[in-house]
């Protein structure tokens, strides 16, 4: 079942059915967006003069579209790396497949070590 905001913006069903009522959105903005946090009870982390991460309750997402400072909102997507058709779609969606399959780069993941460090704040 497809969900939309105002009938226009698609939301993945698992976003709405997840355990958390809070989501992180990447937004493109212009001007000052810090006043938004007081109006809709959001946490705003400015990445640079044009992009920010807004942490907000799911049910308040439609309100963000009403602020003229917000130019674009990137809704969360579920990306997984398993060997199935959905994974291939995710790789294409993130442009990873294009780089991975390019013979110039020869990226096969051999000799790659990935580390994850989690800091509790």
PDB file of N, CA and C in Angstrom:
ATOM      1  N   UNK A   1       0.849  -1.178   0.000  1.00  0.00           N
ATOM      2  CA  UNK A   1       0.000   0.000   0.000  1.00  0.00           C
ATOM      3  C   UNK A   1       0.888   1.233   0.000  1.00  0.00           C
ATOM      4  N   UNK A   2       0.625   2.181  -0.857  1.00  0.00           N
ATOM      5  CA  UNK A   2       1.434   3.394  -0.946  1.00  0.00           C
ATOM      6  C   UNK A   2       0.787   4.490  -0.110  1.00  0.00           C
ATOM      7  N   UNK A   3       1.601   5.188   0.616  1.00  0.00           N
ATOM      8  CA  UNK A   3       1.145   6.312   1.420  1.00  0.00           C
ATOM      9  C   UNK A   3       1.694   7.579   0.794  1.00  0.00           C
ATOM     10  N   UNK A   4       0.977   8.676   0.959  1.00  0.00           N
ATOM     11  CA  UNK A   4       1.472   9.946   0.432  1.00  0.00           C
ATOM     12  C   UNK A   4       1.204  11.054   1.425  1.00  0.00           C
ATOM     13  N   UNK A   5       1.968  12.119   1.273  1.00  0.00           N
ATOM     14  CA  UNK A   5       1.720  13.344   2.017  1.00  0.00           C
ATOM     15  C   UNK A   5       1.014  14.282   1.061  1.00  0.00           C
ATOM     16  N   UNK A   6      -0.147  14.754   1.418  1.00  0.00           N
ATOM     17  CA  UNK A   6      -0.933  15.638   0.568  1.00  0.00           C
ATOM     18  C   UNK A   6      -1.182  15.025  -0.807  1.00  0.00           C
ATOM     19  N   UNK A   7      -1.139  13.688  -0.915  1.00  0.00           N
ATOM     20  CA  UNK A   7      -1.411  13.022  -2.165  1.00  0.00           C
ATOM     21  C   UNK A   7      -0.317  13.157  -3.200  1.00  0.00           C
ATOM     22  N   UNK A   8       0.835  13.715  -2.836  1.00  0.00           N
ATOM     23  CA  UNK A   8       1.892  13.982  -3.814  1.00  0.00           C
ATOM     24  C   UNK A   8       3.162  13.220  -3.509  1.00  0.00           C
ATOM     25  N   UNK A   9       3.640  13.263  -2.290  1.00  0.00           N
ATOM     26  CA  UNK A   9       4.943  12.743  -1.940  1.00  0.00           C
ATOM     27  C   UNK A   9       4.830  11.324  -1.405  1.00  0.00           C
ATOM     28  N   UNK A  10       5.446  10.335  -2.085  1.00  0.00           N
ATOM     29  CA  UNK A  10       5.319   8.946  -1.636  1.00  0.00           C
ATOM     30  C   UNK A  10       6.145   8.670  -0.384  1.00  0.00           C
ATOM     31  N   UNK A  11       5.599   7.865   0.500  1.00  0.00           N
ATOM     32  CA  UNK A  11       6.302   7.429   1.705  1.00  0.00           C
ATOM     33  C   UNK A  11       6.294   5.916   1.702  1.00  0.00           C
ATOM     34  N   UNK A  12       7.425   5.324   1.994  1.00  0.00           N
ATOM     35  CA  UNK A  12       7.485   3.869   2.051  1.00  0.00           C
ATOM     36  C   UNK A  12       6.657   3.375   3.237  1.00  0.00           C
ATOM     37  N   UNK A  13       5.881   2.301   3.044  1.00  0.00           N
ATOM     38  CA  UNK A  13       5.008   1.802   4.109  1.00  0.00           C
ATOM     39  C   UNK A  13       5.745   1.481   5.400  1.00  0.00           C
ATOM     40  N   UNK A  14       6.971   0.927   5.321  1.00  0.00           N
ATOM     41  CA  UNK A  14       7.668   0.565   6.552  1.00  0.00           C
ATOM     42  C   UNK A  14       8.082   1.798   7.358  1.00  0.00           C
ATOM     43  N   UNK A  15       8.145   2.965   6.724  1.00  0.00           N
ATOM     44  CA  UNK A  15       8.423   4.185   7.477  1.00  0.00           C
ATOM     45  C   UNK A  15       7.280   4.471   8.436  1.00  0.00           C
ATOM     46  N   UNK A  16       6.063   4.287   7.965  1.00  0.00           N
ATOM     47  CA  UNK A  16       4.902   4.580   8.800  1.00  0.00           C
ATOM     48  C   UNK A  16       4.643   3.499   9.836  1.00  0.00           C
ATOM     49  N   UNK A  17       5.079   2.279   9.571  1.00  0.00           N
ATOM     50  CA  UNK A  17       4.814   1.170  10.481  1.00  0.00           C
ATOM     51  C   UNK A  17       5.983   0.874  11.417  1.00  0.00           C
ATOM     52  N   UNK A  18       7.033   1.676  11.357  1.00  0.00           N
ATOM     53  CA  UNK A  18       8.216   1.426  12.160  1.00  0.00           C
ATOM     54  C   UNK A  18       7.957   1.609  13.645  1.00  0.00           C
ATOM     55  N   UNK A  19       8.953   1.231  14.422  1.00  0.00           N
ATOM     56  CA  UNK A  19       8.818   1.319  15.870  1.00  0.00           C
ATOM     57  C   UNK A  19       8.957   2.744  16.379  1.00  0.00           C
ATOM     58  N   UNK A  20       9.705   3.561  15.680  1.00  0.00           N
ATOM     59  CA  UNK A  20       9.969   4.915  16.135  1.00  0.00           C
ATOM     60  C   UNK A  20       8.954   5.887  15.553  1.00  0.00           C
ATOM     61  N   UNK A  21       8.543   6.808  16.359  1.00  0.00           N
ATOM     62  CA  UNK A  21       7.654   7.872  15.896  1.00  0.00           C
ATOM     63  C   UNK A  21       8.448   9.080  15.419  1.00  0.00           C
ATOM     64  N   UNK A  22       9.776   8.992  15.504  1.00  0.00           N
ATOM     65  CA  UNK A  22      10.658  10.093  15.128  1.00  0.00           C
ATOM     66  C   UNK A  22      11.411   9.715  13.863  1.00  0.00           C
ATOM     67  N   UNK A  23      11.563  10.661  12.934  1.00  0.00           N
ATOM     68  CA  UNK A  23      12.324  10.428  11.707  1.00  0.00           C
ATOM     69  C   UNK A  23      13.316  11.566  11.503  1.00  0.00           C
ATOM     70  N   UNK A  24      14.382  11.241  10.773  1.00  0.00           N
ATOM     71  CA  UNK A  24      15.359  12.250  10.374  1.00  0.00           C
ATOM     72  C   UNK A  24      15.169  12.522   8.896  1.00  0.00           C
ATOM     73  N   UNK A  25      15.042  13.783   8.540  1.00  0.00           N
ATOM     74  CA  UNK A  25      14.833  14.193   7.162  1.00  0.00           C
ATOM     75  C   UNK A  25      15.990  15.086   6.734  1.00  0.00           C
ATOM     76  N   UNK A  26      16.441  14.906   5.517  1.00  0.00           N
ATOM     77  CA  UNK A  26      17.424  15.825   4.952  1.00  0.00           C
ATOM     78  C   UNK A  26      16.637  16.869   4.178  1.00  0.00           C
ATOM     79  N   UNK A  27      16.896  18.130   4.456  1.00  0.00           N
ATOM     80  CA  UNK A  27      16.177  19.196   3.766  1.00  0.00           C
ATOM     81  C   UNK A  27      17.143  20.153   3.093  1.00  0.00           C
ATOM     82  N   UNK A  28      16.712  20.683   1.969  1.00  0.00           N
ATOM     83  CA  UNK A  28      17.410  21.783   1.307  1.00  0.00           C
ATOM     84  C   UNK A  28      16.608  23.028   1.653  1.00  0.00           C
ATOM     85  N   UNK A  29      17.292  24.054   2.089  1.00  0.00           N
ATOM     86  CA  UNK A  29      16.586  25.240   2.540  1.00  0.00           C
ATOM     87  C   UNK A  29      17.305  26.499   2.069  1.00  0.00           C
ATOM     88  N   UNK A  30      16.633  27.618   2.208  1.00  0.00           N
ATOM     89  CA  UNK A  30      17.253  28.926   2.006  1.00  0.00           C
ATOM     90  C   UNK A  30      16.760  29.838   3.122  1.00  0.00           C
ATOM     91  N   UNK A  31      17.613  30.741   3.528  1.00  0.00           N
ATOM     92  CA  UNK A  31      17.235  31.631   4.622  1.00  0.00           C
ATOM     93  C   UNK A  31      17.479  31.005   5.977  1.00  0.00           C
ATOM     94  N   UNK A  32      16.711  31.441   6.952  1.00  0.00           N
ATOM     95  CA  UNK A  32      16.858  30.973   8.332  1.00  0.00           C
ATOM     96  C   UNK A  32      15.764  29.958   8.645  1.00  0.00           C
ATOM     97  N   UNK A  33      16.167  28.739   8.981  1.00  0.00           N
ATOM     98  CA  UNK A  33      15.163  27.714   9.321  1.00  0.00           C
ATOM     99  C   UNK A  33      15.137  27.387  10.812  1.00  0.00           C
ATOM    100  N   UNK A  34      15.999  28.005  11.584  1.00  0.00           N
ATOM    101  CA  UNK A  34      16.067  27.652  13.002  1.00  0.00           C
ATOM    102  C   UNK A  34      14.788  27.995  13.767  1.00  0.00           C
ATOM    103  N   UNK A  35      14.028  28.972  13.295  1.00  0.00           N
ATOM    104  CA  UNK A  35      12.778  29.314  13.976  1.00  0.00           C
ATOM    105  C   UNK A  35      11.741  28.187  13.875  1.00  0.00           C
ATOM    106  N   UNK A  36      11.909  27.299  12.901  1.00  0.00           N
ATOM    107  CA  UNK A  36      10.959  26.197  12.702  1.00  0.00           C
ATOM    108  C   UNK A  36      10.935  25.270  13.909  1.00  0.00           C
ATOM    109  N   UNK A  37      12.109  25.098  14.549  1.00  0.00           N
ATOM    110  CA  UNK A  37      12.167  24.140  15.664  1.00  0.00           C
ATOM    111  C   UNK A  37      11.242  24.524  16.810  1.00  0.00           C
ATOM    112  N   UNK A  38      10.999  25.815  17.006  1.00  0.00           N
ATOM    113  CA  UNK A  38      10.113  26.243  18.083  1.00  0.00           C
ATOM    114  C   UNK A  38       8.642  26.118  17.699  1.00  0.00           C
ATOM    115  N   UNK A  39       8.373  26.170  16.410  1.00  0.00           N
ATOM    116  CA  UNK A  39       6.989  26.115  15.954  1.00  0.00           C
ATOM    117  C   UNK A  39       6.465  24.688  15.928  1.00  0.00           C
ATOM    118  N   UNK A  40       7.297  23.736  15.480  1.00  0.00           N
ATOM    119  CA  UNK A  40       6.805  22.357  15.338  1.00  0.00           C
ATOM    120  C   UNK A  40       7.579  21.358  16.201  1.00  0.00           C
ATOM    121  N   UNK A  41       8.315  21.836  17.181  1.00  0.00           N
ATOM    122  CA  UNK A  41       9.027  20.956  18.112  1.00  0.00           C
ATOM    123  C   UNK A  41       9.926  19.974  17.372  1.00  0.00           C
ATOM    124  N   UNK A  42      10.917  20.527  16.652  1.00  0.00           N
ATOM    125  CA  UNK A  42      11.848  19.722  15.871  1.00  0.00           C
ATOM    126  C   UNK A  42      13.275  20.035  16.305  1.00  0.00           C
ATOM    127  N   UNK A  43      14.174  19.077  16.058  1.00  0.00           N
ATOM    128  CA  UNK A  43      15.598  19.316  16.270  1.00  0.00           C
ATOM    129  C   UNK A  43      16.203  19.558  14.889  1.00  0.00           C
ATOM    130  N   UNK A  44      16.961  20.648  14.738  1.00  0.00           N
ATOM    131  CA  UNK A  44      17.537  21.006  13.445  1.00  0.00           C
ATOM    132  C   UNK A  44      19.048  21.048  13.564  1.00  0.00           C
ATOM    133  N   UNK A  45      19.711  20.268  12.731  1.00  0.00           N
ATOM    134  CA  UNK A  45      21.169  20.264  12.661  1.00  0.00           C
ATOM    135  C   UNK A  45      21.567  20.809  11.287  1.00  0.00           C
ATOM    136  N   UNK A  46      22.149  21.999  11.281  1.00  0.00           N
ATOM    137  CA  UNK A  46      22.572  22.615  10.028  1.00  0.00           C
ATOM    138  C   UNK A  46      23.830  21.920   9.531  1.00  0.00           C
ATOM    139  N   UNK A  47      23.802  21.455   8.283  1.00  0.00           N
ATOM    140  CA  UNK A  47      24.965  20.819   7.680  1.00  0.00           C
ATOM    141  C   UNK A  47      25.831  21.848   6.969  1.00  0.00           C
ATOM    142  N   UNK A  48      25.209  22.775   6.293  1.00  0.00           N
ATOM    143  CA  UNK A  48      25.889  23.909   5.666  1.00  0.00           C
ATOM    144  C   UNK A  48      24.835  24.981   5.425  1.00  0.00           C
ATOM    145  N   UNK A  49      25.125  25.949   4.566  1.00  0.00           N
ATOM    146  CA  UNK A  49      24.186  27.057   4.366  1.00  0.00           C
ATOM    147  C   UNK A  49      22.972  26.684   3.521  1.00  0.00           C
ATOM    148  N   UNK A  50      22.915  25.457   3.011  1.00  0.00           N
ATOM    149  CA  UNK A  50      21.782  25.037   2.182  1.00  0.00           C
ATOM    150  C   UNK A  50      21.112  23.737   2.614  1.00  0.00           C
ATOM    151  N   UNK A  51      21.778  22.930   3.448  1.00  0.00           N
ATOM    152  CA  UNK A  51      21.235  21.622   3.825  1.00  0.00           C
ATOM    153  C   UNK A  51      21.226  21.452   5.335  1.00  0.00           C
ATOM    154  N   UNK A  52      20.222  20.717   5.807  1.00  0.00           N
ATOM    155  CA  UNK A  52      20.094  20.452   7.243  1.00  0.00           C
ATOM    156  C   UNK A  52      19.435  19.097   7.434  1.00  0.00           C
ATOM    157  N   UNK A  53      19.608  18.562   8.642  1.00  0.00           N
ATOM    158  CA  UNK A  53      18.884  17.369   9.057  1.00  0.00           C
ATOM    159  C   UNK A  53      17.863  17.825  10.092  1.00  0.00           C
ATOM    160  N   UNK A  54      16.616  17.485   9.837  1.00  0.00           N
ATOM    161  CA  UNK A  54      15.547  17.839  10.776  1.00  0.00           C
ATOM    162  C   UNK A  54      15.015  16.545  11.383  1.00  0.00           C
ATOM    163  N   UNK A  55      15.049  16.468  12.698  1.00  0.00           N
ATOM    164  CA  UNK A  55      14.499  15.329  13.432  1.00  0.00           C
ATOM    165  C   UNK A  55      13.146  15.763  13.958  1.00  0.00           C
ATOM    166  N   UNK A  56      12.130  14.980  13.572  1.00  0.00           N
ATOM    167  CA  UNK A  56      10.753  15.415  13.826  1.00  0.00           C
ATOM    168  C   UNK A  56       9.845  14.201  14.012  1.00  0.00           C
ATOM    169  N   UNK A  57       8.713  14.407  14.643  1.00  0.00           N
ATOM    170  CA  UNK A  57       7.706  13.341  14.741  1.00  0.00           C
ATOM    171  C   UNK A  57       7.100  13.126  13.356  1.00  0.00           C
ATOM    172  N   UNK A  58       6.827  11.860  13.035  1.00  0.00           N
ATOM    173  CA  UNK A  58       6.298  11.504  11.711  1.00  0.00           C
ATOM    174  C   UNK A  58       5.046  12.289  11.349  1.00  0.00           C
ATOM    175  N   UNK A  59       4.144  12.438  12.320  1.00  0.00           N
ATOM    176  CA  UNK A  59       2.876  13.092  11.994  1.00  0.00           C
ATOM    177  C   UNK A  59       3.008  14.587  11.746  1.00  0.00           C
ATOM    178  N   UNK A  60       4.193  15.166  12.003  1.00  0.00           N
ATOM    179  CA  UNK A  60       4.412  16.592  11.752  1.00  0.00           C
ATOM    180  C   UNK A  60       5.092  16.867  10.410  1.00  0.00           C
ATOM    181  N   UNK A  61       5.442  15.804   9.683  1.00  0.00           N
ATOM    182  CA  UNK A  61       6.126  15.989   8.393  1.00  0.00           C
ATOM    183  C   UNK A  61       5.341  16.896   7.444  1.00  0.00           C
ATOM    184  N   UNK A  62       4.016  16.729   7.295  1.00  0.00           N
ATOM    185  CA  UNK A  62       3.292  17.604   6.360  1.00  0.00           C
ATOM    186  C   UNK A  62       3.419  19.088   6.673  1.00  0.00           C
ATOM    187  N   UNK A  63       3.618  19.429   7.939  1.00  0.00           N
ATOM    188  CA  UNK A  63       3.760  20.840   8.308  1.00  0.00           C
ATOM    189  C   UNK A  63       5.028  21.464   7.726  1.00  0.00           C
ATOM    190  N   UNK A  64       6.072  20.653   7.537  1.00  0.00           N
ATOM    191  CA  UNK A  64       7.314  21.188   6.987  1.00  0.00           C
ATOM    192  C   UNK A  64       7.124  21.778   5.594  1.00  0.00           C
ATOM    193  N   UNK A  65       6.211  21.194   4.817  1.00  0.00           N
ATOM    194  CA  UNK A  65       5.986  21.663   3.450  1.00  0.00           C
ATOM    195  C   UNK A  65       5.367  23.059   3.412  1.00  0.00           C
ATOM    196  N   UNK A  66       4.883  23.539   4.535  1.00  0.00           N
ATOM    197  CA  UNK A  66       4.246  24.852   4.580  1.00  0.00           C
ATOM    198  C   UNK A  66       5.239  25.989   4.824  1.00  0.00           C
ATOM    199  N   UNK A  67       6.473  25.660   5.168  1.00  0.00           N
ATOM    200  CA  UNK A  67       7.471  26.701   5.417  1.00  0.00           C
ATOM    201  C   UNK A  67       8.151  27.080   4.104  1.00  0.00           C
ATOM    202  N   UNK A  68       8.111  28.349   3.717  1.00  0.00           N
ATOM    203  CA  UNK A  68       8.716  28.763   2.441  1.00  0.00           C
ATOM    204  C   UNK A  68      10.232  28.589   2.410  1.00  0.00           C
ATOM    205  N   UNK A  69      10.883  28.517   3.558  1.00  0.00           N
ATOM    206  CA  UNK A  69      12.336  28.334   3.598  1.00  0.00           C
ATOM    207  C   UNK A  69      12.754  26.930   3.166  1.00  0.00           C
ATOM    208  N   UNK A  70      11.859  25.970   3.314  1.00  0.00           N
ATOM    209  CA  UNK A  70      12.143  24.587   2.949  1.00  0.00           C
ATOM    210  C   UNK A  70      11.900  24.419   1.450  1.00  0.00           C
ATOM    211  N   UNK A  71      12.977  24.114   0.713  1.00  0.00           N
ATOM    212  CA  UNK A  71      12.872  23.958  -0.738  1.00  0.00           C
ATOM    213  C   UNK A  71      12.656  22.502  -1.142  1.00  0.00           C
ATOM    214  N   UNK A  72      13.207  21.580  -0.372  1.00  0.00           N
ATOM    215  CA  UNK A  72      13.134  20.157  -0.732  1.00  0.00           C
ATOM    216  C   UNK A  72      13.273  19.327   0.532  1.00  0.00           C
ATOM    217  N   UNK A  73      12.518  18.230   0.599  1.00  0.00           N
ATOM    218  CA  UNK A  73      12.593  17.314   1.735  1.00  0.00           C
ATOM    219  C   UNK A  73      12.874  15.917   1.204  1.00  0.00           C
ATOM    220  N   UNK A  74      13.946  15.313   1.711  1.00  0.00           N
ATOM    221  CA  UNK A  74      14.283  13.927   1.354  1.00  0.00           C
ATOM    222  C   UNK A  74      13.698  13.028   2.429  1.00  0.00           C
ATOM    223  N   UNK A  75      12.656  12.279   2.059  1.00  0.00           N
ATOM    224  CA  UNK A  75      12.029  11.371   3.003  1.00  0.00           C
ATOM    225  C   UNK A  75      12.893  10.131   3.196  1.00  0.00           C
ATOM    226  N   UNK A  76      12.826   9.507   4.367  1.00  0.00           N
ATOM    227  CA  UNK A  76      13.643   8.315   4.622  1.00  0.00           C
ATOM    228  C   UNK A  76      13.305   7.181   3.667  1.00  0.00           C
ATOM    229  N   UNK A  77      14.320   6.413   3.331  1.00  0.00           N
ATOM    230  CA  UNK A  77      14.161   5.229   2.498  1.00  0.00           C
ATOM    231  C   UNK A  77      14.856   4.071   3.193  1.00  0.00           C
ATOM    232  N   UNK A  78      14.329   2.888   3.003  1.00  0.00           N
ATOM    233  CA  UNK A  78      14.956   1.698   3.537  1.00  0.00           C
ATOM    234  C   UNK A  78      15.910   1.157   2.493  1.00  0.00           C
ATOM    235  N   UNK A  79      17.193   1.090   2.823  1.00  0.00           N
ATOM    236  CA  UNK A  79      18.197   0.560   1.916  1.00  0.00           C
ATOM    237  C   UNK A  79      18.841  -0.651   2.565  1.00  0.00           C
ATOM    238  N   UNK A  80      18.820  -1.773   1.860  1.00  0.00           N
ATOM    239  CA  UNK A  80      19.454  -2.977   2.369  1.00  0.00           C
ATOM    240  C   UNK A  80      20.382  -3.530   1.315  1.00  0.00           C
ATOM    241  N   UNK A  81      21.380  -4.252   1.740  1.00  0.00           N
ATOM    242  CA  UNK A  81      22.332  -4.847   0.820  1.00  0.00           C
ATOM    243  C   UNK A  81      22.289  -6.363   0.942  1.00  0.00           C
ATOM    244  N   UNK A  82      21.269  -6.938   0.361  1.00  0.00           N
ATOM    245  CA  UNK A  82      21.153  -8.386   0.313  1.00  0.00           C
ATOM    246  C   UNK A  82      21.055  -8.795  -1.144  1.00  0.00           C
ATOM    247  N   UNK A  83      21.263 -10.052  -1.419  1.00  0.00           N
ATOM    248  CA  UNK A  83      21.275 -10.494  -2.811  1.00  0.00           C
ATOM    249  C   UNK A  83      19.868 -10.844  -3.290  1.00  0.00           C
ATOM    250  N   UNK A  84      19.085  -9.832  -3.552  1.00  0.00           N
ATOM    251  CA  UNK A  84      17.758 -10.044  -4.120  1.00  0.00           C
ATOM    252  C   UNK A  84      17.407  -8.854  -5.021  1.00  0.00           C
ATOM    253  N   UNK A  85      16.267  -8.915  -5.648  1.00  0.00           N
ATOM    254  CA  UNK A  85      15.859  -7.872  -6.579  1.00  0.00           C
ATOM    255  C   UNK A  85      15.725  -6.528  -5.889  1.00  0.00           C
ATOM    256  N   UNK A  86      15.171  -6.508  -4.692  1.00  0.00           N
ATOM    257  CA  UNK A  86      14.995  -5.240  -3.978  1.00  0.00           C
ATOM    258  C   UNK A  86      16.343  -4.586  -3.699  1.00  0.00           C
ATOM    259  N   UNK A  87      17.343  -5.401  -3.367  1.00  0.00           N
ATOM    260  CA  UNK A  87      18.672  -4.861  -3.124  1.00  0.00           C
ATOM    261  C   UNK A  87      19.224  -4.210  -4.383  1.00  0.00           C
ATOM    262  N   UNK A  88      19.019  -4.850  -5.533  1.00  0.00           N
ATOM    263  CA  UNK A  88      19.485  -4.256  -6.789  1.00  0.00           C
ATOM    264  C   UNK A  88      18.805  -2.920  -7.055  1.00  0.00           C
ATOM    265  N   UNK A  89      17.526  -2.822  -6.724  1.00  0.00           N
ATOM    266  CA  UNK A  89      16.830  -1.551  -6.883  1.00  0.00           C
ATOM    267  C   UNK A  89      17.412  -0.501  -5.949  1.00  0.00           C
ATOM    268  N   UNK A  90      17.742  -0.898  -4.708  1.00  0.00           N
ATOM    269  CA  UNK A  90      18.343   0.028  -3.755  1.00  0.00           C
ATOM    270  C   UNK A  90      19.711   0.493  -4.232  1.00  0.00           C
ATOM    271  N   UNK A  91      20.497  -0.417  -4.784  1.00  0.00           N
ATOM    272  CA  UNK A  91      21.815  -0.038  -5.298  1.00  0.00           C
ATOM    273  C   UNK A  91      21.678   0.945  -6.447  1.00  0.00           C
ATOM    274  N   UNK A  92      20.691   0.753  -7.290  1.00  0.00           N
ATOM    275  CA  UNK A  92      20.471   1.693  -8.389  1.00  0.00           C
ATOM    276  C   UNK A  92      19.968   3.032  -7.876  1.00  0.00           C
ATOM    277  N   UNK A  93      19.109   2.999  -6.873  1.00  0.00           N
ATOM    278  CA  UNK A  93      18.546   4.231  -6.316  1.00  0.00           C
ATOM    279  C   UNK A  93      19.635   5.103  -5.695  1.00  0.00           C
ATOM    280  N   UNK A  94      20.642   4.496  -5.113  1.00  0.00           N
ATOM    281  CA  UNK A  94      21.704   5.249  -4.454  1.00  0.00           C
ATOM    282  C   UNK A  94      22.895   5.519  -5.368  1.00  0.00           C
ATOM    283  N   UNK A  95      22.804   5.076  -6.616  1.00  0.00           N
ATOM    284  CA  UNK A  95      23.871   5.249  -7.621  1.00  0.00           C
ATOM    285  C   UNK A  95      25.113   4.421  -7.312  1.00  0.00           C
ATOM    286  N   UNK A  96      25.016   3.494  -6.385  1.00  0.00           N
ATOM    287  CA  UNK A  96      26.153   2.636  -6.057  1.00  0.00           C
ATOM    288  C   UNK A  96      26.449   1.686  -7.207  1.00  0.00           C
ATOM    289  N   UNK A  97      25.403   1.164  -7.830  1.00  0.00           N
ATOM    290  CA  UNK A  97      25.590   0.191  -8.909  1.00  0.00           C
ATOM    291  C   UNK A  97      26.378   0.792 -10.070  1.00  0.00           C
ATOM    292  N   UNK A  98      26.109   2.044 -10.396  1.00  0.00           N
ATOM    293  CA  UNK A  98      26.806   2.686 -11.512  1.00  0.00           C
ATOM    294  C   UNK A  98      28.310   2.765 -11.255  1.00  0.00           C
ATOM    295  N   UNK A  99      28.688   3.098 -10.040  1.00  0.00           N
ATOM    296  CA  UNK A  99      30.110   3.194  -9.699  1.00  0.00           C
ATOM    297  C   UNK A  99      30.710   1.796  -9.571  1.00  0.00           C
ATOM    298  N   UNK A 100      30.002   0.889  -8.930  1.00  0.00           N
ATOM    299  CA  UNK A 100      30.499  -0.469  -8.714  1.00  0.00           C
ATOM    300  C   UNK A 100      30.752  -1.191 -10.026  1.00  0.00           C
ATOM    301  N   UNK A 101      29.881  -1.001 -10.997  1.00  0.00           N
ATOM    302  CA  UNK A 101      29.994  -1.712 -12.267  1.00  0.00           C
ATOM    303  C   UNK A 101      30.922  -1.034 -13.271  1.00  0.00           C
ATOM    304  N   UNK A 102      31.448   0.119 -12.950  1.00  0.00           N
ATOM    305  CA  UNK A 102      32.339   0.832 -13.862  1.00  0.00           C
ATOM    306  C   UNK A 102      33.727   0.173 -13.834  1.00  0.00           C
ATOM    307  N   UNK A 103      34.218  -0.349 -14.971  1.00  0.00           N
ATOM    308  CA  UNK A 103      35.514  -1.041 -14.992  1.00  0.00           C
ATOM    309  C   UNK A 103      36.695  -0.128 -14.659  1.00  0.00           C
ATOM    310  N   UNK A 104      36.518   1.165 -14.781  1.00  0.00           N
ATOM    311  CA  UNK A 104      37.595   2.103 -14.444  1.00  0.00           C
ATOM    312  C   UNK A 104      37.928   2.022 -12.952  1.00  0.00           C
ATOM    313  N   UNK A 105      36.896   1.889 -12.124  1.00  0.00           N
ATOM    314  CA  UNK A 105      37.101   1.850 -10.676  1.00  0.00           C
ATOM    315  C   UNK A 105      37.443   0.450 -10.169  1.00  0.00           C
ATOM    316  N   UNK A 106      36.912  -0.583 -10.808  1.00  0.00           N
ATOM    317  CA  UNK A 106      37.165  -1.969 -10.409  1.00  0.00           C
ATOM    318  C   UNK A 106      36.872  -2.193  -8.918  1.00  0.00           C
ATOM    319  N   UNK A 107      35.710  -1.751  -8.492  1.00  0.00           N
ATOM    320  CA  UNK A 107      35.321  -1.868  -7.088  1.00  0.00           C
ATOM    321  C   UNK A 107      34.585  -3.180  -6.853  1.00  0.00           C
ATOM    322  N   UNK A 108      35.237  -4.113  -6.180  1.00  0.00           N
ATOM    323  CA  UNK A 108      34.642  -5.413  -5.893  1.00  0.00           C
ATOM    324  C   UNK A 108      34.521  -5.689  -4.402  1.00  0.00           C
ATOM    325  N   UNK A 109      35.027  -4.804  -3.561  1.00  0.00           N
ATOM    326  CA  UNK A 109      34.937  -4.999  -2.124  1.00  0.00           C
ATOM    327  C   UNK A 109      36.016  -5.893  -1.553  1.00  0.00           C
ATOM    328  N   UNK A 110      36.955  -6.301  -2.362  1.00  0.00           N
ATOM    329  CA  UNK A 110      38.049  -7.150  -1.895  1.00  0.00           C
ATOM    330  C   UNK A 110      39.043  -6.284  -1.124  1.00  0.00           C
ATOM    331  N   UNK A 111      39.400  -6.728   0.077  1.00  0.00           N
ATOM    332  CA  UNK A 111      40.354  -5.981   0.883  1.00  0.00           C
ATOM    333  C   UNK A 111      39.763  -4.768   1.586  1.00  0.00           C
ATOM    334  N   UNK A 112      38.439  -4.720   1.694  1.00  0.00           N
ATOM    335  CA  UNK A 112      37.771  -3.588   2.332  1.00  0.00           C
ATOM    336  C   UNK A 112      37.409  -3.957   3.761  1.00  0.00           C
ATOM    337  N   UNK A 113      37.720  -3.079   4.685  1.00  0.00           N
ATOM    338  CA  UNK A 113      37.372  -3.260   6.083  1.00  0.00           C
ATOM    339  C   UNK A 113      36.464  -2.094   6.494  1.00  0.00           C
ATOM    340  N   UNK A 114      35.337  -2.408   7.082  1.00  0.00           N
ATOM    341  CA  UNK A 114      34.391  -1.378   7.485  1.00  0.00           C
ATOM    342  C   UNK A 114      34.299  -1.406   9.011  1.00  0.00           C
ATOM    343  N   UNK A 115      34.391  -0.246   9.605  1.00  0.00           N
ATOM    344  CA  UNK A 115      34.254  -0.135  11.052  1.00  0.00           C
ATOM    345  C   UNK A 115      33.109   0.798  11.410  1.00  0.00           C
ATOM    346  N   UNK A 116      32.393   0.473  12.456  1.00  0.00           N
ATOM    347  CA  UNK A 116      31.299   1.300  12.915  1.00  0.00           C
ATOM    348  C   UNK A 116      31.587   1.674  14.365  1.00  0.00           C
ATOM    349  N   UNK A 117      31.560   2.958  14.618  1.00  0.00           N
ATOM    350  CA  UNK A 117      31.775   3.455  15.979  1.00  0.00           C
ATOM    351  C   UNK A 117      30.508   4.171  16.401  1.00  0.00           C
ATOM    352  N   UNK A 118      29.933   3.744  17.486  1.00  0.00           N
ATOM    353  CA  UNK A 118      28.719   4.380  17.981  1.00  0.00           C
ATOM    354  C   UNK A 118      29.055   5.132  19.254  1.00  0.00           C
ATOM    355  N   UNK A 119      28.760   6.396  19.249  1.00  0.00           N
ATOM    356  CA  UNK A 119      28.973   7.236  20.427  1.00  0.00           C
ATOM    357  C   UNK A 119      27.633   7.549  21.050  1.00  0.00           C
ATOM    358  N   UNK A 120      27.472   7.294  22.302  1.00  0.00           N
ATOM    359  CA  UNK A 120      26.243   7.616  22.994  1.00  0.00           C
ATOM    360  C   UNK A 120      26.367   9.006  23.571  1.00  0.00           C
ATOM    361  N   UNK A 121      25.433   9.845  23.190  1.00  0.00           N
ATOM    362  CA  UNK A 121      25.432  11.236  23.689  1.00  0.00           C
ATOM    363  C   UNK A 121      24.300  11.435  24.642  1.00  0.00           C
TER     364      UNK A 121
END
